[in-house]
N, C-alpha and C. Protein backbone atom coordinates (compact mmCIF):
# COMPACT_ATOMS: atom_id res chain seq x y z
N MET A 1 167.96 68.84 -18.85
CA MET A 1 168.64 69.26 -17.73
C MET A 1 170.13 68.81 -18.45
N GLN A 2 171.30 69.50 -18.05
CA GLN A 2 172.54 68.69 -17.87
C GLN A 2 173.34 69.10 -16.29
N SER A 3 172.93 70.23 -15.60
CA SER A 3 173.91 70.12 -14.70
C SER A 3 173.05 68.61 -13.56
N TRP A 4 172.46 68.30 -13.31
CA TRP A 4 172.45 67.09 -12.70
C TRP A 4 173.24 66.21 -12.98
N ARG A 5 173.33 66.38 -14.09
CA ARG A 5 175.06 64.99 -14.95
C ARG A 5 176.00 65.39 -13.75
N ARG A 6 176.14 66.76 -13.56
CA ARG A 6 177.74 67.35 -12.88
C ARG A 6 177.93 66.56 -11.87
N LEU A 7 176.19 66.81 -11.25
CA LEU A 7 176.19 66.72 -9.91
C LEU A 7 176.48 65.24 -9.19
N GLU A 8 175.82 64.39 -10.63
CA GLU A 8 175.71 63.19 -10.65
C GLU A 8 176.85 62.66 -9.75
N ARG A 9 177.70 63.02 -10.43
CA ARG A 9 179.50 62.43 -9.98
C ARG A 9 180.10 63.24 -9.23
N GLU A 10 179.62 64.64 -8.43
CA GLU A 10 180.29 65.02 -7.09
C GLU A 10 179.31 64.51 -6.05
N ALA A 11 177.89 63.60 -6.89
CA ALA A 11 176.95 62.63 -5.71
C ALA A 11 177.72 61.96 -5.38
N GLU A 12 178.06 61.48 -6.48
CA GLU A 12 178.21 59.31 -5.91
C GLU A 12 179.13 59.61 -4.90
N GLY A 13 179.45 60.53 -3.97
CA GLY A 13 180.19 60.21 -2.60
C GLY A 13 179.52 60.80 -1.62
N ARG A 14 178.26 61.11 -1.92
CA ARG A 14 177.09 61.53 -1.58
C ARG A 14 175.47 61.06 -1.87
N SER A 15 174.92 61.03 -0.40
CA SER A 15 174.15 60.87 -0.68
C SER A 15 172.68 61.88 -1.39
N THR A 16 172.78 62.59 -2.85
CA THR A 16 171.87 63.31 -2.92
C THR A 16 171.57 62.77 -4.17
N VAL A 17 171.23 61.68 -5.04
CA VAL A 17 171.16 61.53 -5.81
C VAL A 17 170.14 61.13 -5.78
N MET A 18 169.04 61.68 -6.96
CA MET A 18 167.19 60.82 -6.20
C MET A 18 166.91 60.51 -7.26
C-alpha cells in the first residue's frame, strides 16, 4: 500500500499515524 505513505506526510501535522 503506497496510499498511506502519502497520508503519512499529511498526517505529520495531524495525529492520524497508526
